[in-house]
Amino acid sequence: MKITAERIPEAQMRLEVELDDARVKKSLDQAARRLSQRFRIPGFRQGKAPRRVVESALGADAVFEEAADRLIPQALTEALEQEGLDPVAPPSVEITEREPVTFTATVPLTPVVELGDYQGISVARTESAYSEEMLEEQLLELRRQHAMLEPVDRSPDLNDRVTADVKAEVDGETILDQPGAEFHLREGAVIGVPGLCEQLVGVAVGEEHAIPIDVDEDWDDEEVAGKTVTFTVTIHDVKAEELPEADDDFAMEVSEEFETYDALRERVESGLREQTEQQAEQEFSQAVMQAAVERATLEYPPALVEHEVEHMRQEFARQMGQDPSTFLRDDSESGEQLMASFRSQANERVINTLVLQHISEAEQIEVLDEEVSADIDKMIEGIPAMPPEQAEETRNDETFRATVQSRLIRERTVERLQQIALSNHASGVSDDDSDESDESDDLDDAEADDSADDAPVSEADAEDSTEAEENDE
């Protein structure tokens, strides 16, 4: 077996493996015997037909494929051992020649990660976006959900609900045709594209109106972005909203648990504060992670991303109640778009995971076994219906314990990064300062090297240098 190994980009090794003719002949003979046992060959007992007869009856390709199914994996395993390679994912294999039998294997290697100066990151904590205006808007939306709709004999105004026939064309092609559509005319609302709601205010009922809308270049629908969409709208009826008073009766209408409007207001405020604080914490965490990633240099095999994509595909299929084995296996445009979204998210996950893994090692972050047990116990307490025997199995499941341990280490690593970022920010350190410091250090090192090159060499130094060279020889 002849092996040629070549390191290629993205932390991969390409192996070209040429197999010995004698080994290939033996494998083909064995494959022919196996096929003659599974398929009846006229004139021969099962498993006794010669290879040339089997190839004549079933085809040479069938015999070769039967042999390759066993021969190639065996040869690949031997080649990996011979080259001392430990793939982080299954290699991809392609048979390139049959005479002599040659195949190439692309082997995904352990990622290479250089963290850079992650201890220099500086990020301010994100402020909560909560405001009194936000609270009032939420309370108004609740009132709108419980509003009465009364028919009116007039042109529509903002916040009215209308029934209309709506068509839309772009470049002479119809992209929307919806008779009897019902929708509210909310300021800023989107009906196909932004701007139509505001254009319908004050138009005559029962008449057909052509309304051109110029769509921005950056609109997320590529079909209409940067183009003019011509809407043809005929409004049939208009209903005005009659909002309930913001009083105790309305609060009890929302839920019996609220006896007063103040109680409802307090609950809504509490929920909004919690929501905006969580969002602020998430944005801060993302900013810290992004700062750490930007300082790192990574090389990792695409196989890691594809593995994560497959995990996401199967998980999404289960959530949708679909069969994971067939979900998104077609070539539909929507399926390709979803898979592209998965791939983008998977790539980000792989990068973040690699950076956090190496930072946790650099920071020597550990989680004790008893801490893992405590976290699992807390998890089990949150599932009162779990049978005792299942709870015990969960506690002793080594794979599950390893997953919990990895999660705890990741969480503590993120917390450590956040502490570093906040501490640097509080000290007045910014990323720009850190970059300038790095450049200054590089200049200082370069000047020191130049000074060392120009420095006079004493006789003692020369003797030491000569002696070191002799020892090296």
Protein backbone atom coordinates (compact mmCIF):
# COMPACT_ATOMS: atom_id res chain seq x y z
CA MET A 1 0.00 0.00 0.00
CA LYS A 2 1.46 3.33 -1.10
CA ILE A 3 0.42 6.49 0.79
CA THR A 4 0.95 10.13 -0.12
CA ALA A 5 -0.01 12.67 2.55
CA GLU A 6 -0.52 16.40 2.01
CA ARG A 7 -1.63 19.02 4.53
CA ILE A 8 -4.39 21.18 3.04
CA PRO A 9 -6.22 24.29 4.34
CA GLU A 10 -8.91 24.27 7.03
CA ALA A 11 -7.12 21.80 9.32
CA GLN A 12 -7.32 18.87 6.93
CA MET A 13 -4.98 16.22 5.55
CA ARG A 14 -5.41 14.71 2.11
CA LEU A 15 -4.27 11.11 1.77
CA GLU A 16 -3.82 9.40 -1.59
CA VAL A 17 -3.73 5.65 -1.09
CA GLU A 18 -2.76 3.17 -3.81
CA LEU A 19 -3.55 -0.48 -3.05
CA ASP A 20 -1.44 -3.49 -3.98
CA ASP A 21 -2.74 -5.55 -6.91
CA ALA A 22 -2.51 -8.78 -4.93
CA ARG A 23 -4.63 -7.36 -2.12
CA VAL A 24 -7.21 -6.05 -4.58
CA LYS A 25 -7.38 -9.44 -6.39
CA LYS A 26 -7.94 -11.27 -3.10
CA SER A 27 -10.67 -8.80 -2.10
CA LEU A 28 -12.41 -9.16 -5.51
CA ASP A 29 -12.36 -12.95 -5.23
CA GLN A 30 -13.88 -12.79 -1.75
CA ALA A 31 -16.52 -10.32 -2.96
CA ALA A 32 -17.47 -12.66 -5.83
CA ARG A 33 -17.92 -15.56 -3.41
CA ARG A 34 -20.15 -13.45 -1.16
CA LEU A 35 -22.28 -12.38 -4.13
CA SER A 36 -22.58 -15.96 -5.41
CA GLN A 37 -23.91 -16.92 -1.98
CA ARG A 38 -26.61 -14.22 -2.13
CA PHE A 39 -27.53 -14.63 -5.81
CA ARG A 40 -28.09 -17.85 -7.69
CA ILE A 41 -25.59 -18.35 -10.52
CA PRO A 42 -26.85 -20.97 -13.04
CA GLY A 43 -24.64 -24.09 -13.17
CA PHE A 44 -22.90 -23.47 -9.85
CA ARG A 45 -23.63 -24.21 -6.21
CA GLN A 46 -24.05 -21.21 -3.91
CA GLY A 47 -20.71 -19.59 -3.16
CA LYS A 48 -18.80 -21.73 -5.68
CA ALA A 49 -19.00 -19.69 -8.90
CA PRO A 50 -15.64 -18.30 -10.13
CA ARG A 51 -15.21 -14.54 -10.14
CA ARG A 52 -15.23 -14.24 -13.94
CA VAL A 53 -18.60 -16.02 -14.03
CA VAL A 54 -20.03 -13.81 -11.27
CA GLU A 55 -18.77 -10.71 -13.07
CA SER A 56 -20.37 -11.95 -16.30
CA ALA A 57 -23.69 -12.64 -14.56
CA LEU A 58 -23.93 -9.64 -12.21
CA GLY A 59 -21.50 -7.18 -13.75
CA ALA A 60 -17.90 -6.26 -12.89
CA ASP A 61 -19.10 -3.06 -11.21
CA ALA A 62 -21.23 -5.04 -8.74
CA VAL A 63 -18.24 -7.17 -7.75
CA PHE A 64 -15.96 -4.14 -7.44
CA GLU A 65 -18.47 -2.25 -5.29
CA GLU A 66 -18.93 -5.28 -3.03
CA ALA A 67 -15.15 -5.52 -2.61
CA ALA A 68 -14.71 -1.77 -2.09
CA ASP A 69 -17.31 -1.68 0.70
CA ARG A 70 -14.89 -3.68 2.86
CA LEU A 71 -11.52 -3.03 1.29
CA ILE A 72 -11.54 0.78 1.33
CA PRO A 73 -12.53 1.20 5.03
CA GLN A 74 -9.89 -1.35 6.05
CA ALA A 75 -7.20 0.36 3.97
CA LEU A 76 -8.23 3.78 5.31
CA THR A 77 -7.92 2.60 8.91
CA GLU A 78 -4.43 1.24 8.18
CA ALA A 79 -3.41 4.46 6.42
CA LEU A 80 -4.57 6.60 9.35
CA GLU A 81 -2.62 4.44 11.79
CA GLN A 82 0.46 4.49 9.58
CA GLU A 83 0.35 8.30 9.30
CA GLY A 84 -0.47 8.75 13.00
CA LEU A 85 -3.69 10.64 12.28
CA ASP A 86 -6.64 10.88 14.68
CA PRO A 87 -9.58 12.39 12.75
CA VAL A 88 -12.06 14.56 14.66
CA ALA A 89 -14.80 13.39 12.27
CA PRO A 90 -15.16 10.62 9.66
CA PRO A 91 -12.96 11.30 6.61
CA SER A 92 -14.58 11.76 3.20
CA VAL A 93 -13.41 9.17 0.67
CA GLU A 94 -13.40 9.12 -3.13
CA ILE A 95 -12.15 6.30 -5.36
CA THR A 96 -10.16 8.00 -8.11
CA GLU A 97 -8.77 5.02 -10.06
CA ARG A 98 -9.46 1.30 -10.48
CA GLU A 99 -6.17 0.19 -12.05
CA PRO A 100 -4.37 0.34 -9.75
CA VAL A 101 -7.12 0.90 -7.18
CA THR A 102 -6.49 4.36 -5.72
CA PHE A 103 -8.58 6.47 -3.41
CA THR A 104 -8.22 9.86 -1.74
CA ALA A 105 -9.35 10.59 1.80
CA THR A 106 -9.85 14.07 3.20
CA VAL A 107 -9.12 13.76 6.90
CA PRO A 108 -10.46 16.43 9.32
CA LEU A 109 -7.78 17.20 11.90
CA THR A 110 -7.85 18.72 15.35
CA PRO A 111 -8.64 22.47 15.07
CA VAL A 112 -5.84 24.97 15.60
CA VAL A 113 -6.83 27.85 17.87
CA GLU A 114 -4.72 30.84 18.88
CA LEU A 115 -6.65 32.90 21.41
CA GLY A 116 -4.75 36.15 21.17
CA ASP A 117 -5.08 38.68 24.00
CA TYR A 118 -8.55 37.71 25.20
CA GLN A 119 -7.69 39.18 28.61
CA GLY A 120 -7.64 42.61 27.01
CA ILE A 121 -11.28 42.67 25.94
CA SER A 122 -13.29 45.61 27.25
CA VAL A 123 -17.07 45.72 26.98
CA ALA A 124 -19.63 47.85 28.80
CA ARG A 125 -22.70 46.14 30.21
CA THR A 126 -25.72 46.71 27.99
CA GLU A 127 -28.41 48.87 29.56
CA SER A 128 -32.00 47.66 29.77
CA ALA A 129 -34.24 49.17 27.09
CA TYR A 130 -37.20 49.42 29.47
CA SER A 131 -39.10 52.71 29.41
CA GLU A 132 -42.44 54.11 30.51
CA GLU A 133 -43.34 54.50 26.83
CA MET A 134 -42.80 50.80 26.34
CA LEU A 135 -45.11 50.06 29.27
CA GLU A 136 -47.83 52.34 27.95
CA GLU A 137 -47.58 50.77 24.48
CA GLN A 138 -47.94 47.29 25.98
CA LEU A 139 -51.00 48.34 27.98
CA LEU A 140 -52.47 49.97 24.86
CA GLU A 141 -51.95 46.73 22.94
CA LEU A 142 -53.84 44.85 25.65
CA ARG A 143 -56.74 47.29 25.30
CA ARG A 144 -56.65 46.85 21.53
CA GLN A 145 -56.92 43.07 21.96
CA HIS A 146 -60.15 43.60 23.92
CA ALA A 147 -61.51 46.42 21.74
CA MET A 148 -64.97 46.46 20.17
CA LEU A 149 -65.17 46.96 16.39
CA GLU A 150 -68.03 49.16 15.20
CA PRO A 151 -68.90 49.67 11.50
CA VAL A 152 -68.52 53.29 10.35
CA ASP A 153 -69.65 55.07 7.18
CA ARG A 154 -66.49 56.99 6.31
CA SER A 155 -63.04 56.68 4.80
CA PRO A 156 -60.55 54.64 6.86
CA ASP A 157 -58.24 56.18 9.42
CA LEU A 158 -55.29 54.80 11.33
CA ASN A 159 -56.23 52.01 13.79
CA ASP A 160 -59.40 51.16 11.84
CA ARG A 161 -59.97 47.62 10.64
CA VAL A 162 -60.79 47.31 6.95
CA THR A 163 -61.97 44.60 4.59
CA ALA A 164 -60.48 44.96 1.12
CA ASP A 165 -59.49 43.25 -2.12
CA VAL A 166 -55.74 43.57 -2.46
CA LYS A 167 -53.58 42.83 -5.48
CA ALA A 168 -49.91 43.60 -6.00
CA GLU A 169 -47.76 43.60 -9.14
CA VAL A 170 -44.02 43.92 -9.75
CA ASP A 171 -42.68 44.34 -13.28
CA GLY A 172 -46.08 43.31 -14.65
CA GLU A 173 -46.17 40.07 -12.63
CA THR A 174 -48.81 39.48 -9.94
CA ILE A 175 -47.21 38.63 -6.59
CA LEU A 176 -50.31 39.00 -4.38
CA ASP A 177 -54.03 38.50 -5.03
CA GLN A 178 -56.13 38.37 -1.88
CA PRO A 179 -59.85 39.25 -2.08
CA GLY A 180 -61.67 40.00 1.17
CA ALA A 181 -58.52 40.54 3.19
CA GLU A 182 -59.01 41.92 6.71
CA PHE A 183 -56.32 43.96 8.43
CA HIS A 184 -55.76 46.86 10.80
CA LEU A 185 -54.31 50.11 9.55
CA ARG A 186 -51.53 50.44 12.09
CA GLU A 187 -48.82 53.05 11.67
CA GLY A 188 -45.67 51.31 10.53
CA ALA A 189 -47.46 48.01 9.86
CA VAL A 190 -46.30 45.93 6.88
CA ILE A 191 -48.75 44.56 4.33
CA GLY A 192 -46.43 42.91 1.84
CA VAL A 193 -44.09 45.91 2.03
CA PRO A 194 -43.88 48.97 4.33
CA GLY A 195 -45.93 52.07 3.53
CA LEU A 196 -49.22 50.70 2.24
CA CYS A 197 -51.19 51.20 5.49
CA GLU A 198 -50.48 54.91 5.60
CA GLN A 199 -51.45 55.29 1.90
CA LEU A 200 -54.91 53.81 2.59
CA VAL A 201 -55.88 56.48 5.12
CA GLY A 202 -58.64 58.66 3.67
CA VAL A 203 -59.25 56.73 0.43
CA ALA A 204 -62.83 56.35 -0.77
CA VAL A 205 -64.68 53.16 0.12
CA GLY A 206 -65.93 51.02 -2.77
CA GLU A 207 -63.56 52.48 -5.35
CA GLU A 208 -60.50 50.83 -6.89
CA HIS A 209 -57.24 52.58 -6.06
CA ALA A 210 -53.82 52.02 -7.68
CA ILE A 211 -51.07 52.75 -5.15
CA PRO A 212 -47.39 52.50 -6.17
CA ILE A 213 -44.90 51.82 -3.35
CA ASP A 214 -41.14 52.24 -3.86
CA VAL A 215 -39.39 49.52 -1.85
CA ASP A 216 -36.00 50.19 -0.27
CA GLU A 217 -32.95 48.44 -1.68
CA ASP A 218 -32.21 46.77 1.68
CA TRP A 219 -35.70 45.25 2.11
CA ASP A 220 -35.34 41.57 3.06
CA ASP A 221 -37.55 40.27 0.23
CA GLU A 222 -35.24 40.07 -2.80
CA GLU A 223 -38.21 39.74 -5.16
CA VAL A 224 -39.31 43.33 -4.51
CA ALA A 225 -36.26 45.02 -2.98
CA GLY A 226 -35.37 48.19 -4.88
CA LYS A 227 -38.45 47.94 -7.10
CA THR A 228 -41.86 49.60 -7.36
CA VAL A 229 -44.77 47.47 -6.16
CA THR A 230 -48.13 48.60 -7.54
CA PHE A 231 -51.04 47.74 -5.25
CA THR A 232 -54.63 47.70 -6.49
CA VAL A 233 -56.93 48.07 -3.48
CA THR A 234 -60.71 48.21 -3.17
CA ILE A 235 -61.96 48.82 0.39
CA HIS A 236 -65.40 47.34 1.10
CA ASP A 237 -66.03 48.28 4.71
CA VAL A 238 -64.43 50.06 7.65
CA LYS A 239 -64.70 49.33 11.36
CA ALA A 240 -63.48 51.66 14.09
CA GLU A 241 -61.89 50.45 17.32
CA GLU A 242 -63.63 51.30 20.57
CA LEU A 243 -61.03 50.75 23.27
CA PRO A 244 -62.12 49.73 26.77
CA GLU A 245 -61.39 52.17 29.57
CA ALA A 246 -58.17 51.54 31.48
CA ASP A 247 -59.93 50.68 34.73
CA ASP A 248 -60.50 47.82 37.16
CA ASP A 249 -63.24 46.28 34.99
CA PHE A 250 -60.82 46.04 32.09
CA ALA A 251 -58.17 44.47 34.34
CA MET A 252 -60.61 41.74 35.40
CA GLU A 253 -61.57 41.22 31.75
CA VAL A 254 -57.91 40.52 30.96
CA SER A 255 -57.72 37.97 33.80
CA GLU A 256 -59.62 37.20 36.96
CA GLU A 257 -56.37 37.30 38.93
CA PHE A 258 -56.25 41.09 38.53
CA GLU A 259 -58.74 42.83 40.81
CA THR A 260 -57.47 46.31 39.95
CA TYR A 261 -55.94 48.07 36.98
CA ASP A 262 -52.90 48.91 39.14
CA ALA A 263 -52.33 45.18 39.70
CA LEU A 264 -52.45 44.58 35.94
CA ARG A 265 -50.08 47.48 35.33
CA GLU A 266 -47.60 46.17 37.91
CA ARG A 267 -47.61 42.70 36.31
CA VAL A 268 -47.06 44.08 32.84
CA GLU A 269 -44.28 46.34 34.11
CA SER A 270 -42.60 43.46 35.93
CA GLY A 271 -42.73 41.29 32.82
CA LEU A 272 -41.33 44.03 30.62
CA ARG A 273 -38.50 44.77 33.02
CA GLU A 274 -37.57 41.09 33.19
CA GLN A 275 -37.78 40.74 29.42
CA THR A 276 -35.64 43.80 28.66
CA GLU A 277 -33.09 42.87 31.32
CA GLN A 278 -32.75 39.39 29.83
CA GLN A 279 -32.35 40.91 26.39
CA ALA A 280 -29.70 43.31 27.68
CA GLU A 281 -27.84 40.44 29.35
CA GLN A 282 -27.98 38.44 26.13
CA GLU A 283 -26.66 41.36 24.07
CA PHE A 284 -23.85 41.92 26.57
CA SER A 285 -22.93 38.23 26.49
CA GLN A 286 -22.91 38.25 22.69
CA ALA A 287 -20.73 41.37 22.60
CA VAL A 288 -18.22 39.79 25.00
CA MET A 289 -18.14 36.59 22.97
CA GLN A 290 -17.68 38.53 19.75
CA ALA A 291 -14.79 40.50 21.27
CA ALA A 292 -13.04 37.27 22.29
CA VAL A 293 -13.63 35.67 18.88
CA GLU A 294 -12.27 38.70 17.03
CA ARG A 295 -8.96 38.36 18.87
CA ALA A 296 -8.67 34.64 18.11
CA THR A 297 -7.26 32.94 15.03
CA LEU A 298 -8.86 29.64 14.14
CA GLU A 299 -8.42 26.86 11.61
CA TYR A 300 -10.98 24.08 11.77
CA PRO A 301 -12.28 21.44 9.36
CA PRO A 302 -15.63 21.96 7.57
CA ALA A 303 -16.70 18.54 8.88
CA LEU A 304 -17.28 20.08 12.32
CA VAL A 305 -19.73 22.57 10.84
CA GLU A 306 -21.51 19.88 8.81
CA HIS A 307 -21.87 17.74 11.94
CA GLU A 308 -23.51 20.66 13.75
CA VAL A 309 -25.76 21.34 10.74
CA GLU A 310 -26.98 17.76 10.82
CA HIS A 311 -27.66 18.01 14.54
CA MET A 312 -29.67 21.20 14.00
CA ARG A 313 -31.60 19.64 11.09
CA GLN A 314 -32.66 16.62 13.15
CA GLU A 315 -33.53 18.71 16.20
CA PHE A 316 -35.65 21.08 14.10
CA ALA A 317 -37.41 18.10 12.49
CA ARG A 318 -38.37 16.73 15.90
CA GLN A 319 -39.70 20.13 16.98
CA MET A 320 -41.82 20.26 13.81
CA GLY A 321 -43.07 16.71 14.32
CA GLN A 322 -41.32 15.55 11.13
CA ASP A 323 -39.28 12.44 10.37
CA PRO A 324 -35.60 13.42 10.96
CA SER A 325 -34.42 10.86 8.40
CA THR A 326 -36.22 12.58 5.51
CA PHE A 327 -36.75 16.17 6.69
CA LEU A 328 -35.13 18.74 4.33
CA ARG A 329 -33.60 16.00 2.20
CA ASP A 330 -35.26 17.38 -0.94
CA ASP A 331 -33.87 20.12 -3.17
CA SER A 332 -36.66 22.63 -2.62
CA GLU A 333 -35.74 26.32 -2.53
CA SER A 334 -37.22 26.78 0.95
CA GLY A 335 -35.29 23.74 2.19
CA GLU A 336 -32.04 25.07 0.77
CA GLN A 337 -32.64 28.45 2.42
CA LEU A 338 -33.29 26.82 5.79
CA MET A 339 -30.19 24.65 5.48
CA ALA A 340 -28.14 27.74 4.58
CA SER A 341 -29.44 29.39 7.74
CA PHE A 342 -28.50 26.30 9.74
CA ARG A 343 -25.01 26.34 8.24
CA SER A 344 -24.44 29.99 9.17
CA GLN A 345 -25.58 29.36 12.75
CA ALA A 346 -23.56 26.14 12.94
CA ASN A 347 -20.39 27.89 11.83
CA GLU A 348 -20.85 30.50 14.57
CA ARG A 349 -21.49 27.78 17.15
CA VAL A 350 -18.33 25.89 16.19
CA ILE A 351 -16.20 29.05 16.44
CA ASN A 352 -17.68 30.03 19.81
CA THR A 353 -17.29 26.50 21.18
CA LEU A 354 -13.64 26.25 20.13
CA VAL A 355 -12.78 29.65 21.60
CA LEU A 356 -14.55 28.90 24.89
CA GLN A 357 -12.91 25.48 25.15
CA HIS A 358 -9.43 26.96 24.83
CA ILE A 359 -10.18 29.85 27.19
CA SER A 360 -11.49 27.43 29.81
CA GLU A 361 -8.20 25.53 29.53
CA ALA A 362 -6.15 28.72 29.71
CA GLU A 363 -8.12 29.88 32.76
CA GLN A 364 -8.03 26.37 34.29
CA ILE A 365 -11.78 26.37 34.81
CA GLU A 366 -13.00 23.13 36.35
CA VAL A 367 -16.26 21.69 37.63
CA LEU A 368 -16.20 19.18 40.48
CA ASP A 369 -18.15 15.93 40.31
CA GLU A 370 -20.32 16.95 43.25
CA GLU A 371 -21.22 20.18 41.44
CA VAL A 372 -22.40 18.13 38.47
CA SER A 373 -24.50 15.98 40.83
CA ALA A 374 -26.03 19.07 42.44
CA ASP A 375 -26.97 20.51 39.05
CA ILE A 376 -28.59 17.22 37.97
CA ASP A 377 -30.51 17.00 41.27
CA LYS A 378 -31.82 20.52 40.73
CA MET A 379 -32.89 19.51 37.23
CA ILE A 380 -34.69 16.42 38.55
CA GLU A 381 -36.48 18.48 41.21
CA GLY A 382 -37.98 20.55 38.40
CA ILE A 383 -39.63 17.40 36.99
CA PRO A 384 -41.83 16.14 39.84
CA ALA A 385 -43.40 13.45 37.65
CA MET A 386 -40.08 11.71 36.95
CA PRO A 387 -40.14 8.16 38.42
CA PRO A 388 -37.48 7.50 41.10
CA GLU A 389 -35.79 4.75 39.05
CA GLN A 390 -35.50 7.07 36.04
CA ALA A 391 -34.09 9.82 38.26
CA GLU A 392 -31.43 7.42 39.55
CA GLU A 393 -30.55 6.35 35.99
CA THR A 394 -30.21 9.99 35.04
CA ARG A 395 -27.86 10.67 37.96
CA ASN A 396 -25.61 7.75 36.97
CA ASP A 397 -25.67 8.25 33.18
CA GLU A 398 -22.03 9.05 32.40
CA THR A 399 -22.82 10.54 28.99
CA PHE A 400 -25.42 12.86 30.51
CA ARG A 401 -23.06 13.80 33.35
CA ALA A 402 -20.36 14.69 30.81
CA THR A 403 -22.84 16.88 28.94
CA VAL A 404 -23.80 18.69 32.15
CA GLN A 405 -20.16 19.15 33.08
CA SER A 406 -19.37 20.65 29.66
CA ARG A 407 -22.29 23.05 29.99
CA LEU A 408 -21.21 24.19 33.47
CA ILE A 409 -17.64 24.74 32.29
CA ARG A 410 -18.91 26.73 29.32
CA GLU A 411 -21.15 28.87 31.55
CA ARG A 412 -18.29 29.59 33.97
CA THR A 413 -15.98 30.43 31.09
CA VAL A 414 -18.51 32.96 29.78
CA GLU A 415 -18.83 34.43 33.28
CA ARG A 416 -15.04 34.73 33.49
CA LEU A 417 -14.93 36.54 30.14
CA GLN A 418 -17.65 38.91 31.29
CA GLN A 419 -15.68 39.68 34.47
CA ILE A 420 -12.60 40.46 32.37
CA ALA A 421 -14.57 42.68 29.99
CA LEU A 422 -16.31 44.62 32.78
CA SER A 423 -13.13 45.01 34.82
CA ASN A 424 -11.22 46.41 31.84
CA HIS A 425 -14.07 48.75 30.96
CA ALA A 426 -14.29 49.99 34.56
CA SER A 427 -10.54 50.66 34.47
CA GLY A 428 -10.91 52.76 31.34
CA VAL A 429 -9.35 50.18 29.05
CA SER A 430 -10.80 49.98 25.54
CA ASP A 431 -10.12 47.60 22.71
CA ASP A 432 -8.43 50.46 20.84
CA ASP A 433 -6.08 50.99 23.79
CA SER A 434 -5.26 47.31 23.83
CA ASP A 435 -4.56 47.25 20.09
CA GLU A 436 -2.27 50.29 20.40
CA SER A 437 -0.52 48.61 23.31
CA ASP A 438 0.04 45.48 21.21
CA GLU A 439 1.49 47.57 18.38
CA SER A 440 3.71 49.43 20.84
CA ASP A 441 4.92 46.14 22.29
CA ASP A 442 5.71 44.89 18.78
CA LEU A 443 7.70 48.07 18.06
CA ASP A 444 9.54 47.77 21.37
CA ASP A 445 10.40 44.14 20.60
CA ALA A 446 11.62 45.08 17.13
CA GLU A 447 13.79 47.91 18.52
CA ALA A 448 15.17 45.57 21.16
CA ASP A 449 16.05 43.03 18.45
CA ASP A 450 17.78 45.74 16.41
CA SER A 451 19.70 46.90 19.48
CA ALA A 452 20.77 43.36 20.19
CA ASP A 453 22.00 42.95 16.61
CA ASP A 454 24.02 46.18 16.85
CA ALA A 455 25.44 45.51 20.34
CA PRO A 456 29.20 44.75 20.54
CA VAL A 457 30.15 41.13 21.28
CA SER A 458 32.70 40.54 24.03
CA GLU A 459 35.45 37.93 23.76
CA ALA A 460 33.67 35.86 26.43
CA ASP A 461 30.44 35.99 24.49
CA ALA A 462 32.27 34.97 21.33
CA GLU A 463 33.90 32.03 23.09
CA ASP A 464 30.50 30.94 24.50
CA SER A 465 28.97 31.20 21.03
CA THR A 466 31.74 29.16 19.43
CA GLU A 467 31.48 26.51 22.15
CA ALA A 468 27.67 26.30 21.66
CA GLU A 469 28.11 25.83 17.90
CA GLU A 470 30.61 23.05 18.48
CA ASN A 471 28.20 21.33 20.87
CA ASP A 472 25.41 21.60 18.31
CA GLU A 473 27.61 19.91 15.74
